[in-house]
Each structure stands twice: as structure tokens, then as C-alpha cells.
Amino acid sequence: MKTFRFVIKQITPLLFSYFFVGIAFGILINDVGYSALWACLAGIFIYAGSMQIVMVSLMSAGVPLHMVAIMTFFINARHIFYGIGFVDRFRKMGWKYPYMVLTLTDETYSVLCSIKYPDNMDEQKVDFYIALTCHLLWIFSCTAGALIGQMITVDMTGIEFSATAFFVVVCVNQWRQFNSHIPAVAGLASAVVFYMLLGADSFLLPALSVSMIVLIIMKDTINQQMGGMKYNH
């Protein structure tokens, strides 16, 4: 119990974001005709946070499943880069290693990077409980959202716009906080160019690919600009 109480204390700032975003996803997926079972399975196996909200809009628009999978890979590819530093740490956990890789999110990454373990506490157990507790909360939130969606009797037409609004808020927040605007400009420019060239049905993957290439090429410049980053509190 002592270990679990310590874990809860570490992840308390994450609980509300996990809960409310998961609820939103559940309501959205129910609104397009999928049951709470599918919401639960998505929470278990996809576990991609805001990407799950985008996935609902893509699926309801008839985007092929393989395209959704490829887009999810590109959008969440950042996990590959910052997860490399945890490979040796997770590998020592034996059978838990694959699960720790699956459940490394932006939020759990930030907790694991800053956590200070008490001297008398098993570090591997703490890491595992952090990942497991956050994952279980996400599964519960997604499922609960779908069940709530079944009970809501009001017309939910237009709720899918919440995904667009969510990402607009994220983009505005990052533009204000980060000294380097190269990632935002690269994403916007590539999206506009390929939208004009290829149309609404085919522009996303080329735009994501070009954006990633630009970020890789300009990595050093971005890092230099981000070195003096100031956060707005």
C-alpha cells in the first residue's frame, strides 16, 4: 500500500486529463455507432490519447484502416525517440518490458523522468504501477464515456468538432510556449501545399512525411532555439 500511495501522489496531476479526454473519446465513439466494448478495446490496445479522438473522425469519414494506422504511427513517432532512453531501464523488468513499452505516454514519460524514489522502495515496482494505473484509468474513462454516451438523449450532431477544437488549443499553446516555431510552420506549410496539390482525401500522409523530414533535417536548429525556452505559467 505504501508503494501504491506513492504512485498515486506522483500521477495525481495526470488523473483529470486522462479522465476527461477518455470520457470525450468514449462519447465520440458511441456517437458514431460503436459500442462500449469497442471503446474498452481501443483503450486497452491503441492507448493513443488524443489520437483516438482523431481516429473516430477518420473512421466515421470512411478512411481505410491501414491509413489510420499509418497516420497514428507518424503522429506518435515521437515516442520512439524519447523512449530510447528507457530501453535499458525497462529491459531489466523482465516480462513487464513489453507492457512498459506499450504504456509509455507523454505523461508517464514526464513522471518517470522527474521522479525521486524513496530509499526503501522498489523502483521497478513503482515504474510498473505508474504505467498500469494510468492505463487502467484510461481504459475506465474510455468505457465510461461510451456508456455515458448511450444515456445521453440530446442530439450530439457536431460533437466531432471537439477533436478539431482540442488540437487548435494544443497548437496555440505550443506556439505560445516554445521559442522555436519551425515545427508548427513546417506542419502548416506542408499541409496547405499538399492539400492544394492532392486534395482533402490524399494530403495527410505526404504532409506528415515531409514535416517529419524537415524536423529531422533542422533538429539542431530547433534544439538551439529551444534552449532558451520560457514557460508561461
C-alpha atoms as a PDB file:
ATOM      1  CA  MET A   1       0.000   0.000   0.000  1.00  0.00           C
ATOM      2  CA  LYS A   2       2.869   2.345   0.720  1.00  0.00           C
ATOM      3  CA  THR A   3       4.155   1.946  -2.843  1.00  0.00           C
ATOM      4  CA  PHE A   4       0.696   2.473  -4.321  1.00  0.00           C
ATOM      5  CA  ARG A   5       0.125   5.648  -2.260  1.00  0.00           C
ATOM      6  CA  PHE A   6       3.454   6.979  -3.515  1.00  0.00           C
ATOM      7  CA  VAL A   7       2.433   6.192  -7.109  1.00  0.00           C
ATOM      8  CA  ILE A   8      -0.914   7.974  -6.744  1.00  0.00           C
ATOM      9  CA  LYS A   9       0.879  11.026  -5.394  1.00  0.00           C
ATOM     10  CA  GLN A  10       3.162  11.083  -8.461  1.00  0.00           C
ATOM     11  CA  ILE A  11       0.387  10.774 -11.038  1.00  0.00           C
ATOM     12  CA  THR A  12      -2.246  12.975  -9.375  1.00  0.00           C
ATOM     13  CA  PRO A  13      -1.643  15.858 -11.856  1.00  0.00           C
ATOM     14  CA  LEU A  14      -2.398  13.433 -14.723  1.00  0.00           C
ATOM     15  CA  LEU A  15      -5.635  11.968 -13.400  1.00  0.00           C
ATOM     16  CA  PHE A  16      -8.028  14.680 -14.569  1.00  0.00           C
ATOM     17  CA  SER A  17      -6.565  14.935 -18.079  1.00  0.00           C
ATOM     18  CA  TYR A  18      -6.718  11.151 -18.505  1.00  0.00           C
ATOM     19  CA  PHE A  19     -10.250  11.016 -17.183  1.00  0.00           C
ATOM     20  CA  PHE A  20     -11.831  13.824 -19.186  1.00  0.00           C
ATOM     21  CA  VAL A  21     -10.089  13.093 -22.510  1.00  0.00           C
ATOM     22  CA  GLY A  22     -11.027   9.411 -22.135  1.00  0.00           C
ATOM     23  CA  ILE A  23     -14.646  10.362 -21.422  1.00  0.00           C
ATOM     24  CA  ALA A  24     -14.675  12.574 -24.536  1.00  0.00           C
ATOM     25  CA  PHE A  25     -13.347   9.721 -26.661  1.00  0.00           C
ATOM     26  CA  GLY A  26     -15.966   7.321 -25.311  1.00  0.00           C
ATOM     27  CA  ILE A  27     -18.815   9.714 -26.062  1.00  0.00           C
ATOM     28  CA  LEU A  28     -17.480  10.334 -29.566  1.00  0.00           C
ATOM     29  CA  ILE A  29     -17.043   6.664 -30.461  1.00  0.00           C
ATOM     30  CA  ASN A  30     -20.525   5.874 -29.165  1.00  0.00           C
ATOM     31  CA  ASP A  31     -21.937   8.729 -31.233  1.00  0.00           C
ATOM     32  CA  VAL A  32     -20.631   7.184 -34.479  1.00  0.00           C
ATOM     33  CA  GLY A  33     -22.163   3.807 -33.675  1.00  0.00           C
ATOM     34  CA  TYR A  34     -19.536   1.782 -31.785  1.00  0.00           C
ATOM     35  CA  SER A  35     -20.387   0.079 -28.501  1.00  0.00           C
ATOM     36  CA  ALA A  36     -18.699   0.441 -25.115  1.00  0.00           C
ATOM     37  CA  LEU A  37     -16.861  -2.819 -25.835  1.00  0.00           C
ATOM     38  CA  TRP A  38     -15.044  -1.180 -28.744  1.00  0.00           C
ATOM     39  CA  ALA A  39     -14.234   1.836 -26.574  1.00  0.00           C
ATOM     40  CA  CYS A  40     -12.763  -0.507 -23.956  1.00  0.00           C
ATOM     41  CA  LEU A  41     -10.715  -2.434 -26.550  1.00  0.00           C
ATOM     42  CA  ALA A  42      -9.410   0.839 -28.005  1.00  0.00           C
ATOM     43  CA  GLY A  43      -8.315   1.925 -24.542  1.00  0.00           C
ATOM     44  CA  ILE A  44      -6.522  -1.391 -23.982  1.00  0.00           C
ATOM     45  CA  PHE A  45      -4.752  -1.906 -27.299  1.00  0.00           C
ATOM     46  CA  ILE A  46      -4.493   1.501 -29.009  1.00  0.00           C
ATOM     47  CA  TYR A  47      -3.918   3.703 -25.958  1.00  0.00           C
ATOM     48  CA  ALA A  48      -3.053   6.751 -28.046  1.00  0.00           C
ATOM     49  CA  GLY A  49      -4.760   9.548 -26.142  1.00  0.00           C
ATOM     50  CA  SER A  50      -5.842  12.398 -28.381  1.00  0.00           C
ATOM     51  CA  MET A  51      -5.084  10.284 -31.469  1.00  0.00           C
ATOM     52  CA  GLN A  52      -8.014   8.079 -30.528  1.00  0.00           C
ATOM     53  CA  ILE A  53     -10.278  11.139 -30.764  1.00  0.00           C
ATOM     54  CA  VAL A  54      -8.901  11.873 -34.233  1.00  0.00           C
ATOM     55  CA  MET A  55      -9.329   8.198 -35.138  1.00  0.00           C
ATOM     56  CA  VAL A  56     -13.074   8.449 -34.526  1.00  0.00           C
ATOM     57  CA  SER A  57     -13.414  11.268 -37.044  1.00  0.00           C
ATOM     58  CA  LEU A  58     -11.288   9.378 -39.577  1.00  0.00           C
ATOM     59  CA  MET A  59     -13.281   6.172 -39.188  1.00  0.00           C
ATOM     60  CA  SER A  60     -16.619   7.982 -39.458  1.00  0.00           C
ATOM     61  CA  ALA A  61     -15.331   9.650 -42.639  1.00  0.00           C
ATOM     62  CA  GLY A  62     -14.577   6.249 -44.183  1.00  0.00           C
ATOM     63  CA  VAL A  63     -10.766   6.477 -44.104  1.00  0.00           C
ATOM     64  CA  PRO A  64      -9.281   2.963 -44.644  1.00  0.00           C
ATOM     65  CA  LEU A  65      -7.969   1.249 -41.521  1.00  0.00           C
ATOM     66  CA  HIS A  66      -4.415   0.959 -42.872  1.00  0.00           C
ATOM     67  CA  MET A  67      -4.350   4.720 -43.458  1.00  0.00           C
ATOM     68  CA  VAL A  68      -5.475   5.327 -39.884  1.00  0.00           C
ATOM     69  CA  ALA A  69      -2.708   3.008 -38.642  1.00  0.00           C
ATOM     70  CA  ILE A  70      -0.033   4.787 -40.697  1.00  0.00           C
ATOM     71  CA  MET A  71      -1.195   8.208 -39.536  1.00  0.00           C
ATOM     72  CA  THR A  72      -1.184   7.026 -35.925  1.00  0.00           C
ATOM     73  CA  PHE A  73       2.398   5.855 -36.372  1.00  0.00           C
ATOM     74  CA  PHE A  74       3.540   9.204 -37.755  1.00  0.00           C
ATOM     75  CA  ILE A  75       1.725  11.272 -35.128  1.00  0.00           C
ATOM     76  CA  ASN A  76       3.048   9.146 -32.259  1.00  0.00           C
ATOM     77  CA  ALA A  77       6.534   8.583 -33.704  1.00  0.00           C
ATOM     78  CA  ARG A  78       7.934  10.940 -31.062  1.00  0.00           C
ATOM     79  CA  HIS A  79       7.555   8.092 -28.572  1.00  0.00           C
ATOM     80  CA  ILE A  80      10.273   6.196 -30.452  1.00  0.00           C
ATOM     81  CA  PHE A  81      12.806   8.966 -29.921  1.00  0.00           C
ATOM     82  CA  TYR A  82      12.261   9.781 -26.298  1.00  0.00           C
ATOM     83  CA  GLY A  83      11.569   6.144 -25.417  1.00  0.00           C
ATOM     84  CA  ILE A  84      15.044   5.053 -26.463  1.00  0.00           C
ATOM     85  CA  GLY A  85      16.446   6.303 -23.171  1.00  0.00           C
ATOM     86  CA  PHE A  86      14.208   3.883 -21.262  1.00  0.00           C
ATOM     87  CA  VAL A  87      15.067   0.700 -23.176  1.00  0.00           C
ATOM     88  CA  ASP A  88      17.749  -0.500 -20.752  1.00  0.00           C
ATOM     89  CA  ARG A  89      15.662   0.540 -17.761  1.00  0.00           C
ATOM     90  CA  PHE A  90      12.595  -1.380 -18.958  1.00  0.00           C
ATOM     91  CA  ARG A  91      14.551  -4.391 -20.182  1.00  0.00           C
ATOM     92  CA  LYS A  92      15.626  -5.111 -16.617  1.00  0.00           C
ATOM     93  CA  MET A  93      11.967  -5.578 -15.684  1.00  0.00           C
ATOM     94  CA  GLY A  94      11.682  -8.979 -17.387  1.00  0.00           C
ATOM     95  CA  TRP A  95       8.181  -9.939 -18.502  1.00  0.00           C
ATOM     96  CA  LYS A  96       6.964  -6.395 -17.826  1.00  0.00           C
ATOM     97  CA  TYR A  97       9.257  -4.983 -20.532  1.00  0.00           C
ATOM     98  CA  PRO A  98       6.770  -5.162 -23.477  1.00  0.00           C
ATOM     99  CA  TYR A  99       3.995  -3.683 -21.351  1.00  0.00           C
ATOM    100  CA  MET A 100       6.179  -0.776 -20.233  1.00  0.00           C
ATOM    101  CA  VAL A 101       6.990  -0.018 -23.879  1.00  0.00           C
ATOM    102  CA  LEU A 102       3.293  -0.092 -24.828  1.00  0.00           C
ATOM    103  CA  THR A 103       2.234   2.188 -21.983  1.00  0.00           C
ATOM    104  CA  LEU A 104       4.935   4.856 -22.253  1.00  0.00           C
ATOM    105  CA  THR A 105       2.952   8.024 -22.959  1.00  0.00           C
ATOM    106  CA  ASP A 106       3.883  11.698 -22.877  1.00  0.00           C
ATOM    107  CA  GLU A 107       2.525  11.922 -19.351  1.00  0.00           C
ATOM    108  CA  THR A 108       4.168   8.805 -17.914  1.00  0.00           C
ATOM    109  CA  TYR A 109       7.428   9.819 -19.610  1.00  0.00           C
ATOM    110  CA  SER A 110       7.401  13.152 -17.796  1.00  0.00           C
ATOM    111  CA  VAL A 111       6.720  11.429 -14.464  1.00  0.00           C
ATOM    112  CA  LEU A 112       9.427   8.792 -14.939  1.00  0.00           C
ATOM    113  CA  CYS A 113      11.972  11.463 -15.896  1.00  0.00           C
ATOM    114  CA  SER A 114      11.401  13.565 -12.791  1.00  0.00           C
ATOM    115  CA  ILE A 115      10.519  11.006 -10.125  1.00  0.00           C
ATOM    116  CA  LYS A 116      12.622  10.735  -6.971  1.00  0.00           C
ATOM    117  CA  TYR A 117      12.376   7.301  -5.382  1.00  0.00           C
ATOM    118  CA  PRO A 118      12.479   6.833  -1.600  1.00  0.00           C
ATOM    119  CA  ASP A 119      15.461   4.781  -0.474  1.00  0.00           C
ATOM    120  CA  ASN A 120      13.377   1.873   0.786  1.00  0.00           C
ATOM    121  CA  MET A 121      11.135   1.493  -2.286  1.00  0.00           C
ATOM    122  CA  ASP A 122      11.391  -0.903  -5.272  1.00  0.00           C
ATOM    123  CA  GLU A 123      11.960   1.372  -8.298  1.00  0.00           C
ATOM    124  CA  GLN A 124      10.817  -1.204 -10.844  1.00  0.00           C
ATOM    125  CA  LYS A 125       7.593  -1.804  -8.950  1.00  0.00           C
ATOM    126  CA  VAL A 126       6.936   1.944  -8.812  1.00  0.00           C
ATOM    127  CA  ASP A 127       7.510   2.310 -12.568  1.00  0.00           C
ATOM    128  CA  PHE A 128       5.179  -0.597 -13.307  1.00  0.00           C
ATOM    129  CA  TYR A 129       2.431   0.683 -11.016  1.00  0.00           C
ATOM    130  CA  ILE A 130       2.625   4.135 -12.619  1.00  0.00           C
ATOM    131  CA  ALA A 131       2.200   2.661 -16.101  1.00  0.00           C
ATOM    132  CA  LEU A 132      -0.519   0.223 -15.021  1.00  0.00           C
ATOM    133  CA  THR A 133      -2.558   2.747 -13.015  1.00  0.00           C
ATOM    134  CA  CYS A 134      -2.566   5.304 -15.838  1.00  0.00           C
ATOM    135  CA  HIS A 135      -3.515   2.633 -18.368  1.00  0.00           C
ATOM    136  CA  LEU A 136      -6.364   1.304 -16.213  1.00  0.00           C
ATOM    137  CA  LEU A 137      -7.663   4.836 -15.698  1.00  0.00           C
ATOM    138  CA  TRP A 138      -7.629   5.397 -19.453  1.00  0.00           C
ATOM    139  CA  ILE A 139      -9.497   2.140 -20.126  1.00  0.00           C
ATOM    140  CA  PHE A 140     -12.071   3.005 -17.473  1.00  0.00           C
ATOM    141  CA  SER A 141     -12.534   6.546 -18.833  1.00  0.00           C
ATOM    142  CA  CYS A 142     -12.998   5.385 -22.441  1.00  0.00           C
ATOM    143  CA  THR A 143     -15.529   2.748 -21.416  1.00  0.00           C
ATOM    144  CA  ALA A 144     -17.378   5.088 -19.055  1.00  0.00           C
ATOM    145  CA  GLY A 145     -17.578   7.735 -21.774  1.00  0.00           C
ATOM    146  CA  ALA A 146     -19.195   5.261 -24.176  1.00  0.00           C
ATOM    147  CA  LEU A 147     -21.702   4.196 -21.504  1.00  0.00           C
ATOM    148  CA  ILE A 148     -22.488   7.829 -20.721  1.00  0.00           C
ATOM    149  CA  GLY A 149     -22.956   8.436 -24.435  1.00  0.00           C
ATOM    150  CA  GLN A 150     -25.613   5.710 -24.524  1.00  0.00           C
ATOM    151  CA  MET A 151     -27.575   7.500 -21.803  1.00  0.00           C
ATOM    152  CA  ILE A 152     -27.392  10.962 -23.355  1.00  0.00           C
ATOM    153  CA  THR A 153     -30.625  11.659 -25.199  1.00  0.00           C
ATOM    154  CA  VAL A 154     -29.790  15.073 -26.663  1.00  0.00           C
ATOM    155  CA  ASP A 155     -28.728  15.435 -30.306  1.00  0.00           C
ATOM    156  CA  MET A 156     -24.938  15.009 -30.438  1.00  0.00           C
ATOM    157  CA  THR A 157     -24.540  16.271 -34.017  1.00  0.00           C
ATOM    158  CA  GLY A 158     -21.346  18.298 -34.315  1.00  0.00           C
ATOM    159  CA  ILE A 159     -19.609  16.870 -31.253  1.00  0.00           C
ATOM    160  CA  GLU A 160     -16.862  15.526 -33.517  1.00  0.00           C
ATOM    161  CA  PHE A 161     -15.706  19.158 -33.838  1.00  0.00           C
ATOM    162  CA  SER A 162     -14.322  18.789 -30.310  1.00  0.00           C
ATOM    163  CA  ALA A 163     -11.357  16.949 -31.844  1.00  0.00           C
ATOM    164  CA  THR A 164     -10.613  19.946 -34.054  1.00  0.00           C
ATOM    165  CA  ALA A 165     -11.023  22.346 -31.141  1.00  0.00           C
ATOM    166  CA  PHE A 166      -8.761  20.187 -28.969  1.00  0.00           C
ATOM    167  CA  PHE A 167      -5.901  20.312 -31.455  1.00  0.00           C
ATOM    168  CA  VAL A 168      -6.347  24.024 -32.112  1.00  0.00           C
ATOM    169  CA  VAL A 169      -5.871  24.625 -28.376  1.00  0.00           C
ATOM    170  CA  VAL A 170      -2.776  22.369 -28.343  1.00  0.00           C
ATOM    171  CA  CYS A 171      -1.243  24.180 -31.336  1.00  0.00           C
ATOM    172  CA  VAL A 172      -1.920  27.638 -29.899  1.00  0.00           C
ATOM    173  CA  ASN A 173      -0.467  26.604 -26.547  1.00  0.00           C
ATOM    174  CA  GLN A 174       2.702  25.204 -28.130  1.00  0.00           C
ATOM    175  CA  TRP A 175       3.122  28.309 -30.297  1.00  0.00           C
ATOM    176  CA  ARG A 176       2.971  30.500 -27.184  1.00  0.00           C
ATOM    177  CA  GLN A 177       5.249  28.338 -25.027  1.00  0.00           C
ATOM    178  CA  PHE A 178       8.015  27.221 -27.386  1.00  0.00           C
ATOM    179  CA  ASN A 179      10.724  29.523 -28.713  1.00  0.00           C
ATOM    180  CA  SER A 180      11.019  27.541 -31.944  1.00  0.00           C
ATOM    181  CA  HIS A 181       8.096  27.834 -34.354  1.00  0.00           C
ATOM    182  CA  ILE A 182       9.737  25.649 -37.006  1.00  0.00           C
ATOM    183  CA  PRO A 183       7.637  22.539 -36.208  1.00  0.00           C
ATOM    184  CA  ALA A 184       4.360  24.468 -36.405  1.00  0.00           C
ATOM    185  CA  VAL A 185       5.307  26.297 -39.606  1.00  0.00           C
ATOM    186  CA  ALA A 186       6.589  23.094 -41.230  1.00  0.00           C
ATOM    187  CA  GLY A 187       3.362  21.279 -40.414  1.00  0.00           C
ATOM    188  CA  LEU A 188       1.140  24.116 -41.611  1.00  0.00           C
ATOM    189  CA  ALA A 189       3.079  24.743 -44.829  1.00  0.00           C
ATOM    190  CA  SER A 190       3.243  21.068 -45.826  1.00  0.00           C
ATOM    191  CA  ALA A 191      -0.466  20.591 -45.062  1.00  0.00           C
ATOM    192  CA  VAL A 192      -1.500  23.597 -47.177  1.00  0.00           C
ATOM    193  CA  VAL A 193       0.765  22.670 -50.106  1.00  0.00           C
ATOM    194  CA  PHE A 194      -0.294  19.030 -50.291  1.00  0.00           C
ATOM    195  CA  TYR A 195      -3.940  19.895 -49.709  1.00  0.00           C
ATOM    196  CA  MET A 196      -3.820  22.145 -52.779  1.00  0.00           C
ATOM    197  CA  LEU A 197      -1.906  19.550 -54.814  1.00  0.00           C
ATOM    198  CA  LEU A 198      -3.642  16.318 -53.798  1.00  0.00           C
ATOM    199  CA  GLY A 199      -6.980  17.318 -52.292  1.00  0.00           C
ATOM    200  CA  ALA A 200      -8.632  16.538 -48.976  1.00  0.00           C
ATOM    201  CA  ASP A 201      -8.560  12.742 -49.370  1.00  0.00           C
ATOM    202  CA  SER A 202      -4.842  12.285 -50.037  1.00  0.00           C
ATOM    203  CA  PHE A 203      -2.852  15.105 -48.482  1.00  0.00           C
ATOM    204  CA  LEU A 204      -2.320  13.881 -44.903  1.00  0.00           C
ATOM    205  CA  LEU A 205       0.350  11.201 -45.301  1.00  0.00           C
ATOM    206  CA  PRO A 206       2.587  13.209 -47.674  1.00  0.00           C
ATOM    207  CA  ALA A 207       2.226  16.259 -45.412  1.00  0.00           C
ATOM    208  CA  LEU A 208       3.169  14.251 -42.303  1.00  0.00           C
ATOM    209  CA  SER A 209       6.124  12.673 -44.111  1.00  0.00           C
ATOM    210  CA  VAL A 210       7.516  15.989 -45.306  1.00  0.00           C
ATOM    211  CA  SER A 211       7.019  17.547 -41.864  1.00  0.00           C
ATOM    212  CA  MET A 212       8.968  14.742 -40.226  1.00  0.00           C
ATOM    213  CA  ILE A 213      11.801  15.046 -42.767  1.00  0.00           C
ATOM    214  CA  VAL A 214      12.016  18.799 -42.162  1.00  0.00           C
ATOM    215  CA  LEU A 215      12.152  18.276 -38.391  1.00  0.00           C
ATOM    216  CA  ILE A 216      14.926  15.695 -38.727  1.00  0.00           C
ATOM    217  CA  ILE A 217      16.987  17.953 -41.013  1.00  0.00           C
ATOM    218  CA  MET A 218      16.521  21.012 -38.791  1.00  0.00           C
ATOM    219  CA  LYS A 219      16.841  19.170 -35.482  1.00  0.00           C
ATOM    220  CA  ASP A 220      19.987  21.056 -34.380  1.00  0.00           C
ATOM    221  CA  THR A 221      18.487  24.454 -35.197  1.00  0.00           C
ATOM    222  CA  ILE A 222      15.304  23.618 -33.308  1.00  0.00           C
ATOM    223  CA  ASN A 223      17.292  22.416 -30.291  1.00  0.00           C
ATOM    224  CA  GLN A 224      19.306  25.656 -30.241  1.00  0.00           C
ATOM    225  CA  GLN A 225      16.142  27.752 -30.366  1.00  0.00           C
ATOM    226  CA  MET A 226      14.501  25.646 -27.670  1.00  0.00           C
ATOM    227  CA  GLY A 227      17.497  26.016 -25.391  1.00  0.00           C
ATOM    228  CA  GLY A 228      16.217  29.310 -24.053  1.00  0.00           C
ATOM    229  CA  MET A 229      12.604  28.230 -23.828  1.00  0.00           C
ATOM    230  CA  LYS A 230      10.460  30.020 -21.243  1.00  0.00           C
ATOM    231  CA  TYR A 231       7.232  28.576 -19.996  1.00  0.00           C
ATOM    232  CA  ASN A 232       4.116  30.586 -19.311  1.00  0.00           C
ATOM    233  CA  HIS A 233       2.605  29.544 -16.004  1.00  0.00           C
END
